[in-house]
Amino acid sequence: MIEILIALFVDDKIIRPYLGDTIVVILIYCFFRSFLKGKARLIAIGTLLFSYTIEILQYFNFVEVLGLGHYKLARIILGNSFSWLDMLSYTFGFIIVVWLDKIQLNKREVKVS
């Protein structure tokens, strides 16, 4: 919900482009994690690679290649401009996911002990 609100109502130079990209990695990770059984770190790496791929496709103007450039939703979801700072934001989201997973794992280990 936060990501949708940011996309629809926030038009600034920090929250929408960078915090939004950080949060989206966390959301994609949680989505994948809810369906996939496996090591959290591998799912996190897959999420990061997926995010990088979408950003690289933006460099090649993929939304226009697909013929979806006139759809606002397609431009919001797929994006329309490549940025190294977006890649950094995705990496930061990945770091947060791995860090939170480590905290959760440590809590489980304490309960078992």
PDB file of N, CA and C in Angstrom:
ATOM      1  N   MET A   1       0.830  -1.185   0.000  1.00  0.00           N
ATOM      2  CA  MET A   1       0.000   0.000   0.000  1.00  0.00           C
ATOM      3  C   MET A   1       0.882   1.261   0.000  1.00  0.00           C
ATOM      4  N   ILE A   2       1.954   1.218   0.783  1.00  0.00           N
ATOM      5  CA  ILE A   2       2.858   2.367   0.842  1.00  0.00           C
ATOM      6  C   ILE A   2       3.450   2.647  -0.533  1.00  0.00           C
ATOM      7  N   GLU A   3       3.836   1.596  -1.236  1.00  0.00           N
ATOM      8  CA  GLU A   3       4.437   1.762  -2.559  1.00  0.00           C
ATOM      9  C   GLU A   3       3.444   2.390  -3.537  1.00  0.00           C
ATOM     10  N   ILE A   4       2.199   1.987  -3.472  1.00  0.00           N
ATOM     11  CA  ILE A   4       1.167   2.549  -4.349  1.00  0.00           C
ATOM     12  C   ILE A   4       0.939   4.024  -4.012  1.00  0.00           C
ATOM     13  N   LEU A   5       0.867   4.338  -2.720  1.00  0.00           N
ATOM     14  CA  LEU A   5       0.672   5.726  -2.302  1.00  0.00           C
ATOM     15  C   LEU A   5       1.838   6.610  -2.757  1.00  0.00           C
ATOM     16  N   ILE A   6       3.060   6.080  -2.643  1.00  0.00           N
ATOM     17  CA  ILE A   6       4.229   6.834  -3.102  1.00  0.00           C
ATOM     18  C   ILE A   6       4.127   7.083  -4.605  1.00  0.00           C
ATOM     19  N   ALA A   7       3.775   6.035  -5.358  1.00  0.00           N
ATOM     20  CA  ALA A   7       3.698   6.166  -6.819  1.00  0.00           C
ATOM     21  C   ALA A   7       2.623   7.153  -7.259  1.00  0.00           C
ATOM     22  N   LEU A   8       1.509   7.162  -6.562  1.00  0.00           N
ATOM     23  CA  LEU A   8       0.390   8.007  -6.976  1.00  0.00           C
ATOM     24  C   LEU A   8       0.441   9.437  -6.455  1.00  0.00           C
ATOM     25  N   PHE A   9       0.972   9.636  -5.243  1.00  0.00           N
ATOM     26  CA  PHE A   9       0.820  10.928  -4.599  1.00  0.00           C
ATOM     27  C   PHE A   9       2.112  11.663  -4.249  1.00  0.00           C
ATOM     28  N   VAL A  10       3.242  11.015  -4.375  1.00  0.00           N
ATOM     29  CA  VAL A  10       4.500  11.677  -4.007  1.00  0.00           C
ATOM     30  C   VAL A  10       5.268  11.992  -5.283  1.00  0.00           C
ATOM     31  N   ASP A  11       5.619  13.252  -5.439  1.00  0.00           N
ATOM     32  CA  ASP A  11       6.383  13.667  -6.608  1.00  0.00           C
ATOM     33  C   ASP A  11       7.524  14.564  -6.129  1.00  0.00           C
ATOM     34  N   ASP A  12       8.544  13.930  -5.579  1.00  0.00           N
ATOM     35  CA  ASP A  12       9.689  14.677  -5.062  1.00  0.00           C
ATOM     36  C   ASP A  12      10.968  14.097  -5.638  1.00  0.00           C
ATOM     37  N   LYS A  13      12.094  14.508  -5.093  1.00  0.00           N
ATOM     38  CA  LYS A  13      13.377  14.064  -5.630  1.00  0.00           C
ATOM     39  C   LYS A  13      14.089  13.054  -4.735  1.00  0.00           C
ATOM     40  N   ILE A  14      13.460  12.644  -3.617  1.00  0.00           N
ATOM     41  CA  ILE A  14      14.106  11.686  -2.723  1.00  0.00           C
ATOM     42  C   ILE A  14      13.207  10.489  -2.436  1.00  0.00           C
ATOM     43  N   ILE A  15      12.027  10.739  -1.874  1.00  0.00           N
ATOM     44  CA  ILE A  15      11.163   9.633  -1.428  1.00  0.00           C
ATOM     45  C   ILE A  15      10.730   8.757  -2.586  1.00  0.00           C
ATOM     46  N   ARG A  16      10.133   9.348  -3.610  1.00  0.00           N
ATOM     47  CA  ARG A  16       9.628   8.528  -4.711  1.00  0.00           C
ATOM     48  C   ARG A  16      10.738   7.777  -5.435  1.00  0.00           C
ATOM     49  N   PRO A  17      11.788   8.437  -5.855  1.00  0.00           N
ATOM     50  CA  PRO A  17      12.767   7.684  -6.631  1.00  0.00           C
ATOM     51  C   PRO A  17      13.650   6.737  -5.818  1.00  0.00           C
ATOM     52  N   TYR A  18      14.045   7.115  -4.615  1.00  0.00           N
ATOM     53  CA  TYR A  18      15.026   6.298  -3.904  1.00  0.00           C
ATOM     54  C   TYR A  18      14.413   5.450  -2.798  1.00  0.00           C
ATOM     55  N   LEU A  19      13.625   6.047  -1.929  1.00  0.00           N
ATOM     56  CA  LEU A  19      12.968   5.255  -0.890  1.00  0.00           C
ATOM     57  C   LEU A  19      11.987   4.275  -1.524  1.00  0.00           C
ATOM     58  N   GLY A  20      11.289   4.726  -2.560  1.00  0.00           N
ATOM     59  CA  GLY A  20      10.362   3.840  -3.271  1.00  0.00           C
ATOM     60  C   GLY A  20      11.072   2.627  -3.860  1.00  0.00           C
ATOM     61  N   ASP A  21      12.242   2.839  -4.458  1.00  0.00           N
ATOM     62  CA  ASP A  21      13.009   1.729  -5.043  1.00  0.00           C
ATOM     63  C   ASP A  21      13.555   0.796  -3.968  1.00  0.00           C
ATOM     64  N   THR A  22      13.924   1.346  -2.834  1.00  0.00           N
ATOM     65  CA  THR A  22      14.390   0.513  -1.718  1.00  0.00           C
ATOM     66  C   THR A  22      13.248  -0.354  -1.196  1.00  0.00           C
ATOM     67  N   ILE A  23      12.092   0.255  -1.006  1.00  0.00           N
ATOM     68  CA  ILE A  23      10.931  -0.468  -0.491  1.00  0.00           C
ATOM     69  C   ILE A  23      10.451  -1.526  -1.476  1.00  0.00           C
ATOM     70  N   VAL A  24      10.501  -1.218  -2.772  1.00  0.00           N
ATOM     71  CA  VAL A  24       9.996  -2.180  -3.750  1.00  0.00           C
ATOM     72  C   VAL A  24      10.805  -3.478  -3.723  1.00  0.00           C
ATOM     73  N   VAL A  25      12.095  -3.390  -3.478  1.00  0.00           N
ATOM     74  CA  VAL A  25      12.906  -4.617  -3.365  1.00  0.00           C
ATOM     75  C   VAL A  25      12.447  -5.439  -2.165  1.00  0.00           C
ATOM     76  N   ILE A  26      12.158  -4.776  -1.074  1.00  0.00           N
ATOM     77  CA  ILE A  26      11.674  -5.478   0.122  1.00  0.00           C
ATOM     78  C   ILE A  26      10.322  -6.133  -0.165  1.00  0.00           C
ATOM     79  N   LEU A  27       9.441  -5.435  -0.851  1.00  0.00           N
ATOM     80  CA  LEU A  27       8.126  -5.978  -1.177  1.00  0.00           C
ATOM     81  C   LEU A  27       8.214  -7.167  -2.128  1.00  0.00           C
ATOM     82  N   ILE A  28       9.054  -7.046  -3.145  1.00  0.00           N
ATOM     83  CA  ILE A  28       9.223  -8.165  -4.090  1.00  0.00           C
ATOM     84  C   ILE A  28       9.795  -9.375  -3.363  1.00  0.00           C
ATOM     85  N   TYR A  29      10.759  -9.141  -2.493  1.00  0.00           N
ATOM     86  CA  TYR A  29      11.331 -10.234  -1.702  1.00  0.00           C
ATOM     87  C   TYR A  29      10.242 -10.918  -0.874  1.00  0.00           C
ATOM     88  N   CYS A  30       9.443 -10.130  -0.178  1.00  0.00           N
ATOM     89  CA  CYS A  30       8.371 -10.702   0.659  1.00  0.00           C
ATOM     90  C   CYS A  30       7.376 -11.479  -0.186  1.00  0.00           C
ATOM     91  N   PHE A  31       7.067 -10.972  -1.362  1.00  0.00           N
ATOM     92  CA  PHE A  31       6.159 -11.679  -2.270  1.00  0.00           C
ATOM     93  C   PHE A  31       6.739 -13.036  -2.646  1.00  0.00           C
ATOM     94  N   PHE A  32       7.988 -13.056  -3.125  1.00  0.00           N
ATOM     95  CA  PHE A  32       8.633 -14.317  -3.509  1.00  0.00           C
ATOM     96  C   PHE A  32       8.754 -15.263  -2.314  1.00  0.00           C
ATOM     97  N   ARG A  33       9.131 -14.712  -1.179  1.00  0.00           N
ATOM     98  CA  ARG A  33       9.331 -15.510   0.039  1.00  0.00           C
ATOM     99  C   ARG A  33       8.036 -16.169   0.505  1.00  0.00           C
ATOM    100  N   SER A  34       6.896 -15.527   0.231  1.00  0.00           N
ATOM    101  CA  SER A  34       5.618 -16.096   0.659  1.00  0.00           C
ATOM    102  C   SER A  34       5.232 -17.319  -0.173  1.00  0.00           C
ATOM    103  N   PHE A  35       5.815 -17.463  -1.369  1.00  0.00           N
ATOM    104  CA  PHE A  35       5.485 -18.587  -2.231  1.00  0.00           C
ATOM    105  C   PHE A  35       6.594 -19.622  -2.343  1.00  0.00           C
ATOM    106  N   LEU A  36       7.819 -19.212  -2.142  1.00  0.00           N
ATOM    107  CA  LEU A  36       8.957 -20.097  -2.364  1.00  0.00           C
ATOM    108  C   LEU A  36       9.536 -20.599  -1.054  1.00  0.00           C
ATOM    109  N   LYS A  37       9.744 -21.882  -0.996  1.00  0.00           N
ATOM    110  CA  LYS A  37      10.461 -22.467   0.130  1.00  0.00           C
ATOM    111  C   LYS A  37      11.921 -22.560  -0.286  1.00  0.00           C
ATOM    112  N   GLY A  38      12.761 -22.069   0.546  1.00  0.00           N
ATOM    113  CA  GLY A  38      14.175 -22.097   0.214  1.00  0.00           C
ATOM    114  C   GLY A  38      14.930 -21.147   1.104  1.00  0.00           C
ATOM    115  N   LYS A  39      16.199 -21.063   0.838  1.00  0.00           N
ATOM    116  CA  LYS A  39      17.042 -20.191   1.644  1.00  0.00           C
ATOM    117  C   LYS A  39      16.707 -18.734   1.362  1.00  0.00           C
ATOM    118  N   ALA A  40      16.514 -18.007   2.435  1.00  0.00           N
ATOM    119  CA  ALA A  40      16.142 -16.598   2.325  1.00  0.00           C
ATOM    120  C   ALA A  40      17.189 -15.812   1.546  1.00  0.00           C
ATOM    121  N   ARG A  41      18.434 -16.128   1.751  1.00  0.00           N
ATOM    122  CA  ARG A  41      19.498 -15.375   1.075  1.00  0.00           C
ATOM    123  C   ARG A  41      19.435 -15.576  -0.442  1.00  0.00           C
ATOM    124  N   LEU A  42      19.124 -16.795  -0.888  1.00  0.00           N
ATOM    125  CA  LEU A  42      19.018 -17.037  -2.324  1.00  0.00           C
ATOM    126  C   LEU A  42      17.822 -16.295  -2.917  1.00  0.00           C
ATOM    127  N   ILE A  43      16.723 -16.258  -2.186  1.00  0.00           N
ATOM    128  CA  ILE A  43      15.551 -15.513  -2.648  1.00  0.00           C
ATOM    129  C   ILE A  43      15.880 -14.019  -2.699  1.00  0.00           C
ATOM    130  N   ALA A  44      16.626 -13.536  -1.719  1.00  0.00           N
ATOM    131  CA  ALA A  44      17.032 -12.124  -1.696  1.00  0.00           C
ATOM    132  C   ALA A  44      17.939 -11.812  -2.889  1.00  0.00           C
ATOM    133  N   ILE A  45      18.870 -12.682  -3.191  1.00  0.00           N
ATOM    134  CA  ILE A  45      19.762 -12.477  -4.337  1.00  0.00           C
ATOM    135  C   ILE A  45      18.959 -12.496  -5.633  1.00  0.00           C
ATOM    136  N   GLY A  46      18.017 -13.431  -5.742  1.00  0.00           N
ATOM    137  CA  GLY A  46      17.156 -13.484  -6.924  1.00  0.00           C
ATOM    138  C   GLY A  46      16.344 -12.211  -7.086  1.00  0.00           C
ATOM    139  N   THR A  47      15.850 -11.694  -5.983  1.00  0.00           N
ATOM    140  CA  THR A  47      15.089 -10.444  -6.015  1.00  0.00           C
ATOM    141  C   THR A  47      15.966  -9.292  -6.479  1.00  0.00           C
ATOM    142  N   LEU A  48      17.176  -9.228  -5.968  1.00  0.00           N
ATOM    143  CA  LEU A  48      18.103  -8.171  -6.374  1.00  0.00           C
ATOM    144  C   LEU A  48      18.422  -8.278  -7.867  1.00  0.00           C
ATOM    145  N   LEU A  49      18.682  -9.481  -8.339  1.00  0.00           N
ATOM    146  CA  LEU A  49      18.979  -9.668  -9.763  1.00  0.00           C
ATOM    147  C   LEU A  49      17.773  -9.304 -10.633  1.00  0.00           C
ATOM    148  N   PHE A  50      16.564  -9.655 -10.167  1.00  0.00           N
ATOM    149  CA  PHE A  50      15.341  -9.284 -10.870  1.00  0.00           C
ATOM    150  C   PHE A  50      15.237  -7.759 -10.963  1.00  0.00           C
ATOM    151  N   SER A  51      15.496  -7.083  -9.853  1.00  0.00           N
ATOM    152  CA  SER A  51      15.425  -5.617  -9.820  1.00  0.00           C
ATOM    153  C   SER A  51      16.455  -4.994 -10.747  1.00  0.00           C
ATOM    154  N   TYR A  52      17.667  -5.528 -10.726  1.00  0.00           N
ATOM    155  CA  TYR A  52      18.706  -5.032 -11.628  1.00  0.00           C
ATOM    156  C   TYR A  52      18.284  -5.225 -13.089  1.00  0.00           C
ATOM    157  N   THR A  53      17.687  -6.372 -13.379  1.00  0.00           N
ATOM    158  CA  THR A  53      17.257  -6.666 -14.751  1.00  0.00           C
ATOM    159  C   THR A  53      16.225  -5.655 -15.233  1.00  0.00           C
ATOM    160  N   ILE A  54      15.243  -5.356 -14.383  1.00  0.00           N
ATOM    161  CA  ILE A  54      14.232  -4.364 -14.748  1.00  0.00           C
ATOM    162  C   ILE A  54      14.895  -3.015 -15.010  1.00  0.00           C
ATOM    163  N   GLU A  55      15.846  -2.643 -14.180  1.00  0.00           N
ATOM    164  CA  GLU A  55      16.528  -1.355 -14.360  1.00  0.00           C
ATOM    165  C   GLU A  55      17.329  -1.339 -15.660  1.00  0.00           C
ATOM    166  N   ILE A  56      18.001  -2.432 -15.968  1.00  0.00           N
ATOM    167  CA  ILE A  56      18.769  -2.509 -17.215  1.00  0.00           C
ATOM    168  C   ILE A  56      17.838  -2.445 -18.423  1.00  0.00           C
ATOM    169  N   LEU A  57      16.667  -3.082 -18.314  1.00  0.00           N
ATOM    170  CA  LEU A  57      15.682  -2.996 -19.394  1.00  0.00           C
ATOM    171  C   LEU A  57      15.220  -1.550 -19.599  1.00  0.00           C
ATOM    172  N   GLN A  58      15.209  -0.771 -18.533  1.00  0.00           N
ATOM    173  CA  GLN A  58      14.855   0.649 -18.660  1.00  0.00           C
ATOM    174  C   GLN A  58      15.884   1.383 -19.516  1.00  0.00           C
ATOM    175  N   TYR A  59      17.131   0.989 -19.387  1.00  0.00           N
ATOM    176  CA  TYR A  59      18.184   1.598 -20.205  1.00  0.00           C
ATOM    177  C   TYR A  59      17.876   1.421 -21.699  1.00  0.00           C
ATOM    178  N   PHE A  60      17.298   0.261 -22.040  1.00  0.00           N
ATOM    179  CA  PHE A  60      16.963  -0.051 -23.425  1.00  0.00           C
ATOM    180  C   PHE A  60      15.539   0.377 -23.795  1.00  0.00           C
ATOM    181  N   ASN A  61      14.903   1.182 -22.909  1.00  0.00           N
ATOM    182  CA  ASN A  61      13.560   1.712 -23.159  1.00  0.00           C
ATOM    183  C   ASN A  61      12.553   0.596 -23.449  1.00  0.00           C
ATOM    184  N   PHE A  62      12.595  -0.434 -22.624  1.00  0.00           N
ATOM    185  CA  PHE A  62      11.814  -1.651 -22.825  1.00  0.00           C
ATOM    186  C   PHE A  62      10.310  -1.399 -22.868  1.00  0.00           C
ATOM    187  N   VAL A  63       9.816  -0.444 -22.085  1.00  0.00           N
ATOM    188  CA  VAL A  63       8.377  -0.184 -22.065  1.00  0.00           C
ATOM    189  C   VAL A  63       7.915   0.294 -23.451  1.00  0.00           C
ATOM    190  N   GLU A  64       8.756   1.029 -24.150  1.00  0.00           N
ATOM    191  CA  GLU A  64       8.428   1.458 -25.515  1.00  0.00           C
ATOM    192  C   GLU A  64       8.576   0.304 -26.499  1.00  0.00           C
ATOM    193  N   VAL A  65       9.598  -0.529 -26.299  1.00  0.00           N
ATOM    194  CA  VAL A  65       9.799  -1.686 -27.166  1.00  0.00           C
ATOM    195  C   VAL A  65       8.567  -2.593 -27.118  1.00  0.00           C
ATOM    196  N   LEU A  66       7.984  -2.730 -25.929  1.00  0.00           N
ATOM    197  CA  LEU A  66       6.773  -3.546 -25.782  1.00  0.00           C
ATOM    198  C   LEU A  66       5.521  -2.845 -26.323  1.00  0.00           C
ATOM    199  N   GLY A  67       5.647  -1.572 -26.642  1.00  0.00           N
ATOM    200  CA  GLY A  67       4.512  -0.807 -27.123  1.00  0.00           C
ATOM    201  C   GLY A  67       3.567  -0.366 -26.019  1.00  0.00           C
ATOM    202  N   LEU A  68       4.090  -0.278 -24.790  1.00  0.00           N
ATOM    203  CA  LEU A  68       3.257   0.069 -23.634  1.00  0.00           C
ATOM    204  C   LEU A  68       3.532   1.471 -23.096  1.00  0.00           C
ATOM    205  N   GLY A  69       4.287   2.253 -23.830  1.00  0.00           N
ATOM    206  CA  GLY A  69       4.695   3.564 -23.351  1.00  0.00           C
ATOM    207  C   GLY A  69       3.546   4.517 -23.080  1.00  0.00           C
ATOM    208  N   HIS A  70       2.420   4.323 -23.730  1.00  0.00           N
ATOM    209  CA  HIS A  70       1.285   5.219 -23.522  1.00  0.00           C
ATOM    210  C   HIS A  70       0.420   4.814 -22.327  1.00  0.00           C
ATOM    211  N   TYR A  71       0.763   3.711 -21.661  1.00  0.00           N
ATOM    212  CA  TYR A  71       0.042   3.277 -20.459  1.00  0.00           C
ATOM    213  C   TYR A  71       0.803   3.728 -19.217  1.00  0.00           C
ATOM    214  N   LYS A  72       0.178   4.574 -18.404  1.00  0.00           N
ATOM    215  CA  LYS A  72       0.835   5.109 -17.207  1.00  0.00           C
ATOM    216  C   LYS A  72       1.227   3.986 -16.248  1.00  0.00           C
ATOM    217  N   LEU A  73       0.352   2.988 -16.070  1.00  0.00           N
ATOM    218  CA  LEU A  73       0.643   1.881 -15.162  1.00  0.00           C
ATOM    219  C   LEU A  73       1.886   1.110 -15.610  1.00  0.00           C
ATOM    220  N   ALA A  74       2.030   0.889 -16.906  1.00  0.00           N
ATOM    221  CA  ALA A  74       3.216   0.188 -17.422  1.00  0.00           C
ATOM    222  C   ALA A  74       4.476   0.991 -17.147  1.00  0.00           C
ATOM    223  N   ARG A  75       4.397   2.310 -17.329  1.00  0.00           N
ATOM    224  CA  ARG A  75       5.561   3.162 -17.058  1.00  0.00           C
ATOM    225  C   ARG A  75       5.899   3.185 -15.572  1.00  0.00           C
ATOM    226  N   ILE A  76       4.871   3.101 -14.698  1.00  0.00           N
ATOM    227  CA  ILE A  76       5.123   3.076 -13.254  1.00  0.00           C
ATOM    228  C   ILE A  76       5.761   1.752 -12.862  1.00  0.00           C
ATOM    229  N   ILE A  77       5.210   0.644 -13.353  1.00  0.00           N
ATOM    230  CA  ILE A  77       5.701  -0.686 -12.961  1.00  0.00           C
ATOM    231  C   ILE A  77       7.069  -0.982 -13.567  1.00  0.00           C
ATOM    232  N   LEU A  78       7.211  -0.763 -14.854  1.00  0.00           N
ATOM    233  CA  LEU A  78       8.462  -1.098 -15.537  1.00  0.00           C
ATOM    234  C   LEU A  78       9.473   0.036 -15.516  1.00  0.00           C
ATOM    235  N   GLY A  79       9.008   1.239 -15.257  1.00  0.00           N
ATOM    236  CA  GLY A  79       9.900   2.389 -15.252  1.00  0.00           C
ATOM    237  C   GLY A  79      10.220   2.838 -16.659  1.00  0.00           C
ATOM    238  N   ASN A  80      10.853   3.981 -16.757  1.00  0.00           N
ATOM    239  CA  ASN A  80      11.165   4.479 -18.098  1.00  0.00           C
ATOM    240  C   ASN A  80      12.516   5.175 -18.210  1.00  0.00           C
ATOM    241  N   SER A  81      13.314   5.132 -17.152  1.00  0.00           N
ATOM    242  CA  SER A  81      14.653   5.727 -17.273  1.00  0.00           C
ATOM    243  C   SER A  81      15.634   5.005 -16.356  1.00  0.00           C
ATOM    244  N   PHE A  82      16.783   4.709 -16.913  1.00  0.00           N
ATOM    245  CA  PHE A  82      17.841   4.018 -16.173  1.00  0.00           C
ATOM    246  C   PHE A  82      18.558   4.994 -15.249  1.00  0.00           C
ATOM    247  N   SER A  83      18.928   4.493 -14.054  1.00  0.00           N
ATOM    248  CA  SER A  83      19.700   5.318 -13.121  1.00  0.00           C
ATOM    249  C   SER A  83      20.589   4.430 -12.257  1.00  0.00           C
ATOM    250  N   TRP A  84      21.843   4.823 -12.150  1.00  0.00           N
ATOM    251  CA  TRP A  84      22.752   4.105 -11.258  1.00  0.00           C
ATOM    252  C   TRP A  84      22.312   4.256  -9.807  1.00  0.00           C
ATOM    253  N   LEU A  85      21.707   5.388  -9.475  1.00  0.00           N
ATOM    254  CA  LEU A  85      21.223   5.586  -8.103  1.00  0.00           C
ATOM    255  C   LEU A  85      20.067   4.637  -7.780  1.00  0.00           C
ATOM    256  N   ASP A  86      19.276   4.279  -8.790  1.00  0.00           N
ATOM    257  CA  ASP A  86      18.239   3.263  -8.578  1.00  0.00           C
ATOM    258  C   ASP A  86      18.883   1.922  -8.241  1.00  0.00           C
ATOM    259  N   MET A  87      19.945   1.597  -8.952  1.00  0.00           N
ATOM    260  CA  MET A  87      20.658   0.339  -8.670  1.00  0.00           C
ATOM    261  C   MET A  87      21.175   0.339  -7.236  1.00  0.00           C
ATOM    262  N   LEU A  88      21.660   1.478  -6.788  1.00  0.00           N
ATOM    263  CA  LEU A  88      22.130   1.617  -5.411  1.00  0.00           C
ATOM    264  C   LEU A  88      20.969   1.450  -4.432  1.00  0.00           C
ATOM    265  N   SER A  89      19.818   2.015  -4.765  1.00  0.00           N
ATOM    266  CA  SER A  89      18.632   1.867  -3.909  1.00  0.00           C
ATOM    267  C   SER A  89      18.209   0.403  -3.812  1.00  0.00           C
ATOM    268  N   TYR A  90      18.243  -0.310  -4.941  1.00  0.00           N
ATOM    269  CA  TYR A  90      17.908  -1.736  -4.918  1.00  0.00           C
ATOM    270  C   TYR A  90      18.889  -2.500  -4.034  1.00  0.00           C
ATOM    271  N   THR A  91      20.146  -2.148  -4.133  1.00  0.00           N
ATOM    272  CA  THR A  91      21.161  -2.804  -3.309  1.00  0.00           C
ATOM    273  C   THR A  91      20.913  -2.528  -1.831  1.00  0.00           C
ATOM    274  N   PHE A  92      20.540  -1.316  -1.505  1.00  0.00           N
ATOM    275  CA  PHE A  92      20.228  -0.966  -0.120  1.00  0.00           C
ATOM    276  C   PHE A  92      19.021  -1.767   0.374  1.00  0.00           C
ATOM    277  N   GLY A  93      17.999  -1.925  -0.464  1.00  0.00           N
ATOM    278  CA  GLY A  93      16.844  -2.755  -0.109  1.00  0.00           C
ATOM    279  C   GLY A  93      17.260  -4.194   0.148  1.00  0.00           C
ATOM    280  N   PHE A  94      18.156  -4.708  -0.679  1.00  0.00           N
ATOM    281  CA  PHE A  94      18.694  -6.059  -0.505  1.00  0.00           C
ATOM    282  C   PHE A  94      19.411  -6.188   0.839  1.00  0.00           C
ATOM    283  N   ILE A  95      20.227  -5.201   1.176  1.00  0.00           N
ATOM    284  CA  ILE A  95      20.959  -5.217   2.447  1.00  0.00           C
ATOM    285  C   ILE A  95      19.982  -5.223   3.618  1.00  0.00           C
ATOM    286  N   ILE A  96      18.931  -4.433   3.532  1.00  0.00           N
ATOM    287  CA  ILE A  96      17.916  -4.404   4.591  1.00  0.00           C
ATOM    288  C   ILE A  96      17.260  -5.772   4.739  1.00  0.00           C
ATOM    289  N   VAL A  97      16.900  -6.400   3.632  1.00  0.00           N
ATOM    290  CA  VAL A  97      16.253  -7.720   3.659  1.00  0.00           C
ATOM    291  C   VAL A  97      17.164  -8.750   4.316  1.00  0.00           C
ATOM    292  N   VAL A  98      18.419  -8.777   3.910  1.00  0.00           N
ATOM    293  CA  VAL A  98      19.372  -9.743   4.476  1.00  0.00           C
ATOM    294  C   VAL A  98      19.573  -9.470   5.966  1.00  0.00           C
ATOM    295  N   TRP A  99      19.681  -8.222   6.335  1.00  0.00           N
ATOM    296  CA  TRP A  99      19.862  -7.839   7.736  1.00  0.00           C
ATOM    297  C   TRP A  99      18.654  -8.248   8.575  1.00  0.00           C
ATOM    298  N   LEU A 100      17.442  -7.954   8.095  1.00  0.00           N
ATOM    299  CA  LEU A 100      16.235  -8.330   8.839  1.00  0.00           C
ATOM    300  C   LEU A 100      16.086  -9.838   8.950  1.00  0.00           C
ATOM    301  N   ASP A 101      16.446 -10.550   7.893  1.00  0.00           N
ATOM    302  CA  ASP A 101      16.387 -12.008   7.946  1.00  0.00           C
ATOM    303  C   ASP A 101      17.379 -12.548   8.964  1.00  0.00           C
ATOM    304  N   LYS A 102      18.540 -11.944   9.044  1.00  0.00           N
ATOM    305  CA  LYS A 102      19.545 -12.382  10.027  1.00  0.00           C
ATOM    306  C   LYS A 102      19.039 -12.137  11.451  1.00  0.00           C
ATOM    307  N   ILE A 103      18.398 -11.001  11.686  1.00  0.00           N
ATOM    308  CA  ILE A 103      17.826 -10.716  12.999  1.00  0.00           C
ATOM    309  C   ILE A 103      16.765 -11.753  13.349  1.00  0.00           C
ATOM    310  N   GLN A 104      15.908 -12.072  12.381  1.00  0.00           N
ATOM    311  CA  GLN A 104      14.850 -13.059  12.610  1.00  0.00           C
ATOM    312  C   GLN A 104      15.444 -14.440  12.892  1.00  0.00           C
ATOM    313  N   LEU A 105      16.462 -14.808  12.158  1.00  0.00           N
ATOM    314  CA  LEU A 105      17.128 -16.093  12.369  1.00  0.00           C
ATOM    315  C   LEU A 105      17.750 -16.154  13.758  1.00  0.00           C
ATOM    316  N   ASN A 106      18.383 -15.074  14.188  1.00  0.00           N
ATOM    317  CA  ASN A 106      18.981 -15.033  15.527  1.00  0.00           C
ATOM    318  C   ASN A 106      17.918 -15.161  16.622  1.00  0.00           C
ATOM    319  N   LYS A 107      16.767 -14.567  16.427  1.00  0.00           N
ATOM    320  CA  LYS A 107      15.667 -14.679  17.393  1.00  0.00           C
ATOM    321  C   LYS A 107      15.194 -16.126  17.502  1.00  0.00           C
ATOM    322  N   ARG A 108      15.104 -16.818  16.356  1.00  0.00           N
ATOM    323  CA  ARG A 108      14.704 -18.235  16.368  1.00  0.00           C
ATOM    324  C   ARG A 108      15.709 -19.089  17.114  1.00  0.00           C
ATOM    325  N   GLU A 109      16.995 -18.797  16.899  1.00  0.00           N
ATOM    326  CA  GLU A 109      18.041 -19.575  17.557  1.00  0.00           C
ATOM    327  C   GLU A 109      18.010 -19.373  19.066  1.00  0.00           C
ATOM    328  N   VAL A 110      17.714 -18.167  19.512  1.00  0.00           N
ATOM    329  CA  VAL A 110      17.632 -17.879  20.936  1.00  0.00           C
ATOM    330  C   VAL A 110      16.460 -18.636  21.566  1.00  0.00           C
ATOM    331  N   LYS A 111      15.331 -18.709  20.878  1.00  0.00           N
ATOM    332  CA  LYS A 111      14.147 -19.409  21.382  1.00  0.00           C
ATOM    333  C   LYS A 111      14.399 -20.903  21.478  1.00  0.00           C
ATOM    334  N   VAL A 112      15.158 -21.458  20.545  1.00  0.00           N
ATOM    335  CA  VAL A 112      15.453 -22.889  20.536  1.00  0.00           C
ATOM    336  C   VAL A 112      16.414 -23.240  21.671  1.00  0.00           C
ATOM    337  N   SER A 113      17.342 -22.373  21.974  1.00  0.00           N
ATOM    338  CA  SER A 113      18.365 -22.645  22.983  1.00  0.00           C
ATOM    339  C   SER A 113      17.850 -22.701  24.338  1.00  0.00           C
TER     340      SER A 113
END
